[in-house]
Amino acid sequence: MVVVGLVLIALGALAIVCGVFASEIQGGQLQFLGQDIGPVALFLIGVGSAVAIWWGLWILKSGSKRSWARRKEQKRLEELSEKLDAVEAERRMNVDDQEDRDRPSL
């Protein structure tokens, strides 16, 4: 999700930069990257770029939040697993000690 967000942001920013720096007016016609387009089309390219950037930021934010929660949960599970292993080892030691006391000695 994070990668998709970054790609959308990059594409939107690229379209805006191309619109600002690569647009020309020649003979009353607007050219965007060598193609003749109208002013409305250039406006729609700008709106589409802004929406792509906004959507990319939203996807980036939600993907980061989800991965952060997943890492937090994984860390909590690892801590619980370590505690369980320690308790299990202590229980085994107690059982072994109890068995040694219950055995008859010669």
N, C-alpha and C. Protein backbone atom coordinates (compact mmCIF):
# COMPACT_ATOMS: atom_id res chain seq x y z
N MET A 1 0.82 -1.19 0.00
CA MET A 1 0.00 0.00 0.00
C MET A 1 0.87 1.26 0.00
N VAL A 2 1.93 1.21 0.74
CA VAL A 2 2.81 2.38 0.81
C VAL A 2 3.42 2.66 -0.56
N VAL A 3 3.81 1.62 -1.27
CA VAL A 3 4.42 1.79 -2.59
C VAL A 3 3.41 2.38 -3.57
N VAL A 4 2.17 1.91 -3.52
CA VAL A 4 1.13 2.44 -4.41
C VAL A 4 0.90 3.92 -4.12
N GLY A 5 0.87 4.29 -2.85
CA GLY A 5 0.72 5.69 -2.48
C GLY A 5 1.86 6.55 -3.01
N LEU A 6 3.08 6.05 -2.87
CA LEU A 6 4.23 6.81 -3.37
C LEU A 6 4.20 6.96 -4.89
N VAL A 7 3.77 5.91 -5.59
CA VAL A 7 3.68 5.98 -7.05
C VAL A 7 2.63 7.01 -7.48
N LEU A 8 1.48 7.01 -6.82
CA LEU A 8 0.44 7.99 -7.15
C LEU A 8 0.91 9.42 -6.89
N ILE A 9 1.61 9.63 -5.79
CA ILE A 9 2.13 10.96 -5.48
C ILE A 9 3.14 11.38 -6.54
N ALA A 10 4.02 10.47 -6.92
CA ALA A 10 5.03 10.79 -7.93
C ALA A 10 4.40 11.11 -9.28
N LEU A 11 3.40 10.32 -9.69
CA LEU A 11 2.74 10.58 -10.98
C LEU A 11 1.99 11.91 -10.97
N GLY A 12 1.30 12.20 -9.90
CA GLY A 12 0.60 13.48 -9.79
C GLY A 12 1.55 14.65 -9.81
N ALA A 13 2.65 14.54 -9.07
CA ALA A 13 3.64 15.61 -9.05
C ALA A 13 4.29 15.77 -10.41
N LEU A 14 4.56 14.68 -11.09
CA LEU A 14 5.16 14.74 -12.42
C LEU A 14 4.23 15.44 -13.41
N ALA A 15 2.94 15.13 -13.35
CA ALA A 15 1.98 15.78 -14.24
C ALA A 15 1.90 17.28 -13.96
N ILE A 16 1.94 17.67 -12.70
CA ILE A 16 1.90 19.10 -12.37
C ILE A 16 3.15 19.80 -12.85
N VAL A 17 4.31 19.18 -12.62
CA VAL A 17 5.57 19.80 -13.07
C VAL A 17 5.58 19.92 -14.59
N CYS A 18 5.12 18.89 -15.28
CA CYS A 18 5.06 18.96 -16.75
C CYS A 18 4.08 20.04 -17.20
N GLY A 19 2.99 20.18 -16.50
CA GLY A 19 2.02 21.21 -16.84
C GLY A 19 2.56 22.61 -16.65
N VAL A 20 3.38 22.78 -15.65
CA VAL A 20 3.94 24.12 -15.39
C VAL A 20 5.12 24.42 -16.31
N PHE A 21 6.02 23.46 -16.48
CA PHE A 21 7.26 23.74 -17.20
C PHE A 21 7.27 23.29 -18.66
N ALA A 22 6.41 22.36 -19.05
CA ALA A 22 6.47 21.83 -20.41
C ALA A 22 5.27 22.25 -21.26
N SER A 23 4.48 23.17 -20.77
CA SER A 23 3.34 23.66 -21.55
C SER A 23 3.76 24.92 -22.31
N GLU A 24 3.30 25.00 -23.55
CA GLU A 24 3.62 26.16 -24.38
C GLU A 24 2.36 26.61 -25.10
N ILE A 25 2.36 27.87 -25.47
CA ILE A 25 1.30 28.40 -26.30
C ILE A 25 1.93 28.77 -27.62
N GLN A 26 1.50 28.09 -28.69
CA GLN A 26 2.03 28.36 -30.02
C GLN A 26 0.87 28.63 -30.97
N GLY A 27 0.84 29.83 -31.48
CA GLY A 27 -0.20 30.18 -32.45
C GLY A 27 -1.60 30.05 -31.90
N GLY A 28 -1.81 30.38 -30.65
CA GLY A 28 -3.14 30.31 -30.06
C GLY A 28 -3.52 28.93 -29.58
N GLN A 29 -2.67 27.94 -29.77
CA GLN A 29 -2.93 26.58 -29.30
C GLN A 29 -2.06 26.27 -28.08
N LEU A 30 -2.63 25.59 -27.13
CA LEU A 30 -1.90 25.18 -25.93
C LEU A 30 -1.31 23.81 -26.18
N GLN A 31 -0.02 23.66 -25.93
CA GLN A 31 0.64 22.37 -26.10
C GLN A 31 1.12 21.86 -24.75
N PHE A 32 0.76 20.63 -24.47
CA PHE A 32 1.18 19.94 -23.24
C PHE A 32 1.96 18.71 -23.66
N LEU A 33 3.26 18.73 -23.41
CA LEU A 33 4.17 17.64 -23.80
C LEU A 33 4.08 17.34 -25.29
N GLY A 34 3.98 18.40 -26.11
CA GLY A 34 3.97 18.25 -27.56
C GLY A 34 2.61 17.96 -28.15
N GLN A 35 1.58 17.82 -27.34
CA GLN A 35 0.23 17.54 -27.83
C GLN A 35 -0.63 18.80 -27.70
N ASP A 36 -1.41 19.07 -28.75
CA ASP A 36 -2.33 20.21 -28.70
C ASP A 36 -3.54 19.84 -27.85
N ILE A 37 -3.78 20.63 -26.82
CA ILE A 37 -4.94 20.42 -25.95
C ILE A 37 -5.58 21.76 -25.67
N GLY A 38 -6.78 21.71 -25.17
CA GLY A 38 -7.48 22.94 -24.80
C GLY A 38 -7.22 23.30 -23.35
N PRO A 39 -7.59 24.51 -22.99
CA PRO A 39 -7.40 24.94 -21.59
C PRO A 39 -8.19 24.10 -20.59
N VAL A 40 -9.36 23.64 -21.00
CA VAL A 40 -10.17 22.81 -20.11
C VAL A 40 -9.45 21.48 -19.85
N ALA A 41 -8.84 20.92 -20.89
CA ALA A 41 -8.12 19.66 -20.72
C ALA A 41 -6.93 19.85 -19.79
N LEU A 42 -6.22 20.97 -19.92
CA LEU A 42 -5.10 21.24 -19.01
C LEU A 42 -5.60 21.39 -17.57
N PHE A 43 -6.75 22.05 -17.41
CA PHE A 43 -7.34 22.18 -16.08
C PHE A 43 -7.68 20.80 -15.51
N LEU A 44 -8.28 19.94 -16.35
CA LEU A 44 -8.64 18.60 -15.89
C LEU A 44 -7.41 17.76 -15.56
N ILE A 45 -6.33 17.96 -16.29
CA ILE A 45 -5.06 17.28 -15.96
C ILE A 45 -4.58 17.73 -14.58
N GLY A 46 -4.69 19.01 -14.31
CA GLY A 46 -4.30 19.54 -13.00
C GLY A 46 -5.17 18.99 -11.88
N VAL A 47 -6.48 18.94 -12.13
CA VAL A 47 -7.39 18.39 -11.11
C VAL A 47 -7.09 16.91 -10.89
N GLY A 48 -6.89 16.17 -11.98
CA GLY A 48 -6.56 14.75 -11.85
C GLY A 48 -5.26 14.53 -11.10
N SER A 49 -4.30 15.41 -11.34
CA SER A 49 -3.02 15.31 -10.63
C SER A 49 -3.20 15.58 -9.15
N ALA A 50 -3.99 16.59 -8.83
CA ALA A 50 -4.24 16.91 -7.42
C ALA A 50 -4.96 15.76 -6.72
N VAL A 51 -5.93 15.16 -7.42
CA VAL A 51 -6.65 14.02 -6.84
C VAL A 51 -5.71 12.84 -6.65
N ALA A 52 -4.82 12.60 -7.62
CA ALA A 52 -3.86 11.50 -7.50
C ALA A 52 -2.93 11.72 -6.31
N ILE A 53 -2.49 12.94 -6.12
CA ILE A 53 -1.62 13.24 -4.97
C ILE A 53 -2.39 13.05 -3.66
N TRP A 54 -3.61 13.55 -3.61
CA TRP A 54 -4.41 13.40 -2.40
C TRP A 54 -4.68 11.94 -2.09
N TRP A 55 -5.06 11.19 -3.11
CA TRP A 55 -5.34 9.76 -2.94
C TRP A 55 -4.07 9.01 -2.53
N GLY A 56 -2.93 9.37 -3.14
CA GLY A 56 -1.66 8.76 -2.77
C GLY A 56 -1.30 9.02 -1.33
N LEU A 57 -1.51 10.25 -0.87
CA LEU A 57 -1.23 10.57 0.54
C LEU A 57 -2.15 9.78 1.47
N TRP A 58 -3.42 9.64 1.09
CA TRP A 58 -4.36 8.89 1.91
C TRP A 58 -3.96 7.41 1.98
N ILE A 59 -3.60 6.83 0.85
CA ILE A 59 -3.17 5.42 0.82
C ILE A 59 -1.88 5.25 1.61
N LEU A 60 -0.95 6.19 1.47
CA LEU A 60 0.31 6.14 2.21
C LEU A 60 0.04 6.18 3.71
N LYS A 61 -0.85 7.07 4.13
CA LYS A 61 -1.17 7.20 5.55
C LYS A 61 -1.83 5.93 6.09
N SER A 62 -2.81 5.42 5.37
CA SER A 62 -3.51 4.24 5.86
C SER A 62 -2.62 3.00 5.83
N GLY A 63 -1.77 2.88 4.81
CA GLY A 63 -0.85 1.75 4.75
C GLY A 63 0.18 1.80 5.86
N SER A 64 0.68 3.00 6.15
CA SER A 64 1.65 3.15 7.24
C SER A 64 1.01 2.84 8.58
N LYS A 65 -0.21 3.30 8.76
CA LYS A 65 -0.90 3.05 10.03
C LYS A 65 -1.14 1.55 10.22
N ARG A 66 -1.53 0.88 9.15
CA ARG A 66 -1.79 -0.55 9.23
C ARG A 66 -0.51 -1.34 9.51
N SER A 67 0.58 -0.98 8.83
CA SER A 67 1.84 -1.70 9.06
C SER A 67 2.38 -1.40 10.45
N TRP A 68 2.19 -0.18 10.95
CA TRP A 68 2.62 0.15 12.30
C TRP A 68 1.84 -0.67 13.32
N ALA A 69 0.53 -0.81 13.12
CA ALA A 69 -0.28 -1.62 14.04
C ALA A 69 0.13 -3.09 13.97
N ARG A 70 0.45 -3.57 12.77
CA ARG A 70 0.88 -4.96 12.62
C ARG A 70 2.20 -5.19 13.35
N ARG A 71 3.15 -4.24 13.21
CA ARG A 71 4.43 -4.39 13.92
C ARG A 71 4.23 -4.35 15.43
N LYS A 72 3.34 -3.48 15.90
CA LYS A 72 3.07 -3.39 17.33
C LYS A 72 2.47 -4.70 17.85
N GLU A 73 1.53 -5.26 17.10
CA GLU A 73 0.92 -6.53 17.50
C GLU A 73 1.95 -7.66 17.48
N GLN A 74 2.82 -7.67 16.47
CA GLN A 74 3.85 -8.71 16.39
C GLN A 74 4.81 -8.62 17.58
N LYS A 75 5.16 -7.40 17.95
CA LYS A 75 6.04 -7.21 19.11
C LYS A 75 5.37 -7.71 20.39
N ARG A 76 4.09 -7.40 20.54
CA ARG A 76 3.36 -7.85 21.71
C ARG A 76 3.27 -9.38 21.75
N LEU A 77 3.03 -9.99 20.60
CA LEU A 77 2.98 -11.46 20.56
C LEU A 77 4.33 -12.08 20.87
N GLU A 78 5.41 -11.47 20.42
CA GLU A 78 6.74 -11.99 20.73
C GLU A 78 7.02 -11.90 22.23
N GLU A 79 6.62 -10.79 22.86
CA GLU A 79 6.82 -10.65 24.30
C GLU A 79 6.01 -11.71 25.06
N LEU A 80 4.76 -11.92 24.65
CA LEU A 80 3.94 -12.94 25.30
C LEU A 80 4.52 -14.34 25.10
N SER A 81 5.07 -14.60 23.92
CA SER A 81 5.69 -15.89 23.65
C SER A 81 6.92 -16.11 24.53
N GLU A 82 7.72 -15.06 24.71
CA GLU A 82 8.89 -15.17 25.59
C GLU A 82 8.46 -15.44 27.03
N LYS A 83 7.42 -14.76 27.48
CA LYS A 83 6.92 -14.99 28.84
C LYS A 83 6.41 -16.41 29.00
N LEU A 84 5.69 -16.89 27.99
CA LEU A 84 5.17 -18.25 28.03
C LEU A 84 6.30 -19.26 28.05
N ASP A 85 7.34 -19.04 27.26
CA ASP A 85 8.49 -19.94 27.27
C ASP A 85 9.17 -19.96 28.63
N ALA A 86 9.30 -18.78 29.26
CA ALA A 86 9.92 -18.72 30.58
C ALA A 86 9.08 -19.47 31.61
N VAL A 87 7.77 -19.29 31.58
CA VAL A 87 6.89 -19.97 32.54
C VAL A 87 6.92 -21.48 32.29
N GLU A 88 6.93 -21.88 31.03
CA GLU A 88 6.98 -23.31 30.69
C GLU A 88 8.29 -23.93 31.18
N ALA A 89 9.40 -23.24 31.01
CA ALA A 89 10.69 -23.76 31.47
C ALA A 89 10.71 -23.88 33.00
N GLU A 90 10.13 -22.88 33.67
CA GLU A 90 10.07 -22.93 35.14
C GLU A 90 9.18 -24.08 35.60
N ARG A 91 8.07 -24.31 34.92
CA ARG A 91 7.17 -25.39 35.29
C ARG A 91 7.86 -26.74 35.11
N ARG A 92 8.61 -26.88 34.02
CA ARG A 92 9.32 -28.13 33.80
C ARG A 92 10.37 -28.37 34.89
N MET A 93 11.06 -27.30 35.29
CA MET A 93 12.05 -27.45 36.37
C MET A 93 11.36 -27.88 37.66
N ASN A 94 10.21 -27.30 37.95
CA ASN A 94 9.49 -27.65 39.18
C ASN A 94 9.00 -29.09 39.12
N VAL A 95 8.54 -29.54 37.96
CA VAL A 95 8.09 -30.93 37.81
C VAL A 95 9.27 -31.88 37.99
N ASP A 96 10.42 -31.56 37.41
CA ASP A 96 11.60 -32.41 37.55
C ASP A 96 12.04 -32.48 39.01
N ASP A 97 12.01 -31.35 39.71
CA ASP A 97 12.39 -31.35 41.12
C ASP A 97 11.43 -32.18 41.95
N GLN A 98 10.14 -32.07 41.63
CA GLN A 98 9.12 -32.84 42.36
C GLN A 98 9.31 -34.33 42.11
N GLU A 99 9.63 -34.72 40.88
CA GLU A 99 9.84 -36.14 40.57
C GLU A 99 11.06 -36.67 41.31
N ASP A 100 12.11 -35.86 41.42
CA ASP A 100 13.31 -36.29 42.13
C ASP A 100 13.01 -36.51 43.62
N ARG A 101 12.14 -35.71 44.21
CA ARG A 101 11.81 -35.87 45.60
C ARG A 101 10.91 -37.08 45.83
N ASP A 102 10.08 -37.39 44.85
CA ASP A 102 9.14 -38.52 45.00
C ASP A 102 9.83 -39.86 44.77
N ARG A 103 10.96 -39.90 44.13
CA ARG A 103 11.64 -41.17 43.87
C ARG A 103 12.27 -41.72 45.14
N PRO A 104 12.12 -42.98 45.31
CA PRO A 104 12.78 -43.58 46.50
C PRO A 104 14.29 -43.60 46.30
N SER A 105 15.00 -43.33 47.32
CA SER A 105 16.47 -43.36 47.21
C SER A 105 16.99 -44.56 48.00
N LEU A 106 18.11 -45.04 47.61
CA LEU A 106 18.69 -46.21 48.25
C LEU A 106 19.65 -45.85 49.31
